[in-house]
Amino acid sequence: MILNTKYFGLIADITNKKEEQLNLEQTQISVASLKAFMENNYPDLRKTSYSVAVNQAMVGVDTNLSEKDVIAFLPPFAGG
């Protein structure tokens, strides 16, 4: 499965990337599983809170991902 990921703010600092294309062996994966995968590859993600959006919509960890989805990893927001 190919997933396109985009990183913002602190998440981009942790990954040293603004975006990346993941080619995963799984044919089905949930947001929770993707988060576990990402935290394994980027251990500093475990130390911060972040949200995940899929195709520009905020989603929960039980959401299943589809081929070619665009996943955004978003740091906490501050209003002002």
N, C-alpha and C. Protein backbone atom coordinates (compact mmCIF):
# COMPACT_ATOMS: atom_id res chain seq x y z
N MET A 1 0.85 -1.17 0.00
CA MET A 1 0.00 0.00 0.00
C MET A 1 0.89 1.24 0.00
N ILE A 2 0.58 2.18 -0.84
CA ILE A 2 1.32 3.43 -0.91
C ILE A 2 0.51 4.52 -0.22
N LEU A 3 1.14 5.19 0.74
CA LEU A 3 0.50 6.30 1.45
C LEU A 3 1.40 7.52 1.33
N ASN A 4 0.79 8.65 1.07
CA ASN A 4 1.51 9.91 1.01
C ASN A 4 1.33 10.62 2.34
N THR A 5 2.45 10.93 3.00
CA THR A 5 2.38 11.59 4.30
C THR A 5 2.95 12.99 4.21
N LYS A 6 2.35 13.88 4.97
CA LYS A 6 2.82 15.26 5.05
C LYS A 6 3.00 15.59 6.53
N TYR A 7 4.08 16.31 6.83
CA TYR A 7 4.42 16.63 8.20
C TYR A 7 4.45 18.14 8.38
N PHE A 8 3.93 18.61 9.50
CA PHE A 8 3.84 20.05 9.77
C PHE A 8 4.44 20.38 11.12
N GLY A 9 5.00 21.59 11.23
CA GLY A 9 5.50 22.10 12.50
C GLY A 9 6.52 21.18 13.15
N LEU A 10 6.31 20.90 14.42
CA LEU A 10 7.22 20.06 15.20
C LEU A 10 7.39 18.68 14.58
N ILE A 11 6.35 18.15 13.96
CA ILE A 11 6.43 16.82 13.34
C ILE A 11 7.44 16.85 12.20
N ALA A 12 7.43 17.91 11.40
CA ALA A 12 8.42 18.05 10.32
C ALA A 12 9.82 18.15 10.89
N ASP A 13 9.96 18.81 12.03
CA ASP A 13 11.28 18.90 12.67
C ASP A 13 11.75 17.52 13.13
N ILE A 14 10.85 16.73 13.68
CA ILE A 14 11.21 15.40 14.16
C ILE A 14 11.61 14.48 13.01
N THR A 15 10.86 14.52 11.92
CA THR A 15 11.14 13.62 10.79
C THR A 15 12.21 14.18 9.85
N ASN A 16 12.52 15.45 9.98
CA ASN A 16 13.43 16.14 9.06
C ASN A 16 12.93 16.08 7.63
N LYS A 17 11.61 16.03 7.48
CA LYS A 17 10.97 15.98 6.16
C LYS A 17 9.67 16.76 6.22
N LYS A 18 9.27 17.28 5.09
CA LYS A 18 7.95 17.91 4.99
C LYS A 18 6.92 16.93 4.45
N GLU A 19 7.39 15.95 3.69
CA GLU A 19 6.51 14.91 3.16
C GLU A 19 7.32 13.69 2.80
N GLU A 20 6.60 12.58 2.64
CA GLU A 20 7.26 11.32 2.33
C GLU A 20 6.21 10.36 1.77
N GLN A 21 6.64 9.46 0.92
CA GLN A 21 5.74 8.43 0.40
C GLN A 21 6.14 7.11 1.05
N LEU A 22 5.18 6.49 1.73
CA LEU A 22 5.42 5.22 2.39
C LEU A 22 4.91 4.09 1.53
N ASN A 23 5.72 3.08 1.34
CA ASN A 23 5.31 1.89 0.60
C ASN A 23 5.26 0.75 1.62
N LEU A 24 4.07 0.47 2.13
CA LEU A 24 3.89 -0.51 3.19
C LEU A 24 3.48 -1.86 2.63
N GLU A 25 3.91 -2.91 3.29
CA GLU A 25 3.57 -4.27 2.84
C GLU A 25 2.11 -4.62 3.09
N GLN A 26 1.52 -4.02 4.12
CA GLN A 26 0.13 -4.32 4.46
C GLN A 26 -0.83 -3.85 3.35
N THR A 27 -1.90 -4.60 3.18
CA THR A 27 -2.94 -4.17 2.24
C THR A 27 -4.04 -3.41 2.97
N GLN A 28 -4.10 -3.56 4.28
CA GLN A 28 -5.04 -2.79 5.10
C GLN A 28 -4.30 -2.30 6.33
N ILE A 29 -4.53 -1.04 6.66
CA ILE A 29 -3.88 -0.47 7.84
C ILE A 29 -4.77 0.61 8.42
N SER A 30 -4.80 0.69 9.73
CA SER A 30 -5.58 1.72 10.42
C SER A 30 -4.66 2.87 10.80
N VAL A 31 -5.26 3.97 11.18
CA VAL A 31 -4.48 5.12 11.65
C VAL A 31 -3.66 4.71 12.87
N ALA A 32 -4.24 3.92 13.77
CA ALA A 32 -3.51 3.47 14.96
C ALA A 32 -2.27 2.68 14.57
N SER A 33 -2.38 1.80 13.61
CA SER A 33 -1.24 1.01 13.15
C SER A 33 -0.20 1.89 12.46
N LEU A 34 -0.66 2.86 11.70
CA LEU A 34 0.27 3.78 11.04
C LEU A 34 1.01 4.60 12.08
N LYS A 35 0.30 5.07 13.12
CA LYS A 35 0.96 5.83 14.18
C LYS A 35 2.03 4.97 14.85
N ALA A 36 1.74 3.72 15.12
CA ALA A 36 2.71 2.82 15.73
C ALA A 36 3.93 2.65 14.82
N PHE A 37 3.68 2.50 13.53
CA PHE A 37 4.77 2.38 12.55
C PHE A 37 5.63 3.64 12.56
N MET A 38 4.99 4.80 12.54
CA MET A 38 5.71 6.06 12.50
C MET A 38 6.51 6.28 13.79
N GLU A 39 5.92 5.94 14.93
CA GLU A 39 6.60 6.12 16.21
C GLU A 39 7.77 5.15 16.35
N ASN A 40 7.69 4.02 15.68
CA ASN A 40 8.82 3.08 15.66
C ASN A 40 9.97 3.65 14.81
N ASN A 41 9.61 4.28 13.69
CA ASN A 41 10.62 4.86 12.80
C ASN A 41 11.14 6.22 13.28
N TYR A 42 10.30 6.95 13.98
CA TYR A 42 10.66 8.27 14.51
C TYR A 42 10.31 8.30 16.00
N PRO A 43 11.18 7.73 16.86
CA PRO A 43 10.86 7.58 18.29
C PRO A 43 10.49 8.88 19.00
N ASP A 44 11.00 10.02 18.55
CA ASP A 44 10.65 11.28 19.20
C ASP A 44 9.18 11.64 19.05
N LEU A 45 8.48 11.01 18.11
CA LEU A 45 7.03 11.24 17.98
C LEU A 45 6.29 10.79 19.23
N ARG A 46 6.84 9.80 19.93
CA ARG A 46 6.21 9.30 21.16
C ARG A 46 6.16 10.36 22.25
N LYS A 47 7.04 11.35 22.15
CA LYS A 47 7.17 12.37 23.18
C LYS A 47 6.28 13.58 22.95
N THR A 48 5.54 13.60 21.86
CA THR A 48 4.70 14.75 21.54
C THR A 48 3.28 14.29 21.22
N SER A 49 2.35 15.19 21.40
CA SER A 49 0.99 14.87 20.98
C SER A 49 0.80 15.41 19.56
N TYR A 50 0.01 14.70 18.78
CA TYR A 50 -0.24 15.14 17.41
C TYR A 50 -1.55 14.53 16.94
N SER A 51 -2.11 15.15 15.93
CA SER A 51 -3.35 14.68 15.32
C SER A 51 -3.06 14.18 13.92
N VAL A 52 -3.99 13.40 13.40
CA VAL A 52 -3.85 12.86 12.05
C VAL A 52 -5.07 13.25 11.23
N ALA A 53 -4.82 13.75 10.03
CA ALA A 53 -5.89 14.05 9.08
C ALA A 53 -5.67 13.17 7.85
N VAL A 54 -6.77 12.69 7.29
CA VAL A 54 -6.70 11.89 6.07
C VAL A 54 -7.51 12.61 5.01
N ASN A 55 -6.86 12.90 3.91
CA ASN A 55 -7.50 13.63 2.80
C ASN A 55 -8.18 14.89 3.30
N GLN A 56 -7.47 15.63 4.14
CA GLN A 56 -7.87 16.93 4.68
C GLN A 56 -9.04 16.86 5.66
N ALA A 57 -9.29 15.71 6.27
CA ALA A 57 -10.34 15.58 7.29
C ALA A 57 -9.74 14.93 8.53
N MET A 58 -10.02 15.52 9.68
CA MET A 58 -9.55 14.94 10.94
C MET A 58 -10.22 13.58 11.14
N VAL A 59 -9.44 12.60 11.60
CA VAL A 59 -9.97 11.24 11.77
C VAL A 59 -9.51 10.68 13.10
N GLY A 60 -10.20 9.60 13.52
CA GLY A 60 -9.82 8.89 14.72
C GLY A 60 -8.86 7.76 14.41
N VAL A 61 -8.32 7.17 15.47
CA VAL A 61 -7.31 6.12 15.29
C VAL A 61 -7.88 4.83 14.71
N ASP A 62 -9.21 4.67 14.77
CA ASP A 62 -9.82 3.44 14.23
C ASP A 62 -10.13 3.54 12.74
N THR A 63 -9.82 4.67 12.13
CA THR A 63 -10.07 4.86 10.69
C THR A 63 -9.13 3.99 9.87
N ASN A 64 -9.69 3.29 8.89
CA ASN A 64 -8.88 2.49 7.97
C ASN A 64 -8.43 3.35 6.79
N LEU A 65 -7.21 3.14 6.38
CA LEU A 65 -6.63 3.92 5.29
C LEU A 65 -6.75 3.17 3.98
N SER A 66 -6.79 3.93 2.89
CA SER A 66 -6.87 3.37 1.55
C SER A 66 -5.63 3.76 0.75
N GLU A 67 -5.38 2.97 -0.28
CA GLU A 67 -4.26 3.24 -1.19
C GLU A 67 -4.31 4.68 -1.67
N LYS A 68 -3.17 5.34 -1.66
CA LYS A 68 -2.98 6.70 -2.16
C LYS A 68 -3.63 7.78 -1.30
N ASP A 69 -4.09 7.43 -0.08
CA ASP A 69 -4.58 8.47 0.83
C ASP A 69 -3.44 9.43 1.14
N VAL A 70 -3.81 10.67 1.42
CA VAL A 70 -2.84 11.68 1.88
C VAL A 70 -3.07 11.86 3.36
N ILE A 71 -2.03 11.53 4.13
CA ILE A 71 -2.13 11.60 5.59
C ILE A 71 -1.27 12.75 6.08
N ALA A 72 -1.87 13.63 6.87
CA ALA A 72 -1.15 14.76 7.45
C ALA A 72 -0.97 14.52 8.94
N PHE A 73 0.26 14.69 9.41
CA PHE A 73 0.57 14.61 10.83
C PHE A 73 0.67 16.04 11.33
N LEU A 74 -0.21 16.40 12.24
CA LEU A 74 -0.37 17.79 12.67
C LEU A 74 -0.01 17.97 14.13
N PRO A 75 0.82 18.96 14.44
CA PRO A 75 1.15 19.25 15.84
C PRO A 75 -0.05 19.91 16.52
N PRO A 76 0.01 20.05 17.84
CA PRO A 76 -1.09 20.73 18.54
C PRO A 76 -1.27 22.15 18.01
N PHE A 77 -2.51 22.59 17.94
CA PHE A 77 -2.82 23.92 17.46
C PHE A 77 -2.98 24.87 18.65
N ALA A 78 -2.61 26.11 18.44
CA ALA A 78 -2.82 27.15 19.43
C ALA A 78 -3.64 28.26 18.79
N GLY A 79 -4.66 28.68 19.46
CA GLY A 79 -5.52 29.74 18.92
C GLY A 79 -4.97 31.12 19.24
N GLY A 80 -5.53 32.10 18.57
CA GLY A 80 -5.02 33.43 18.87
C GLY A 80 -5.74 34.49 18.22
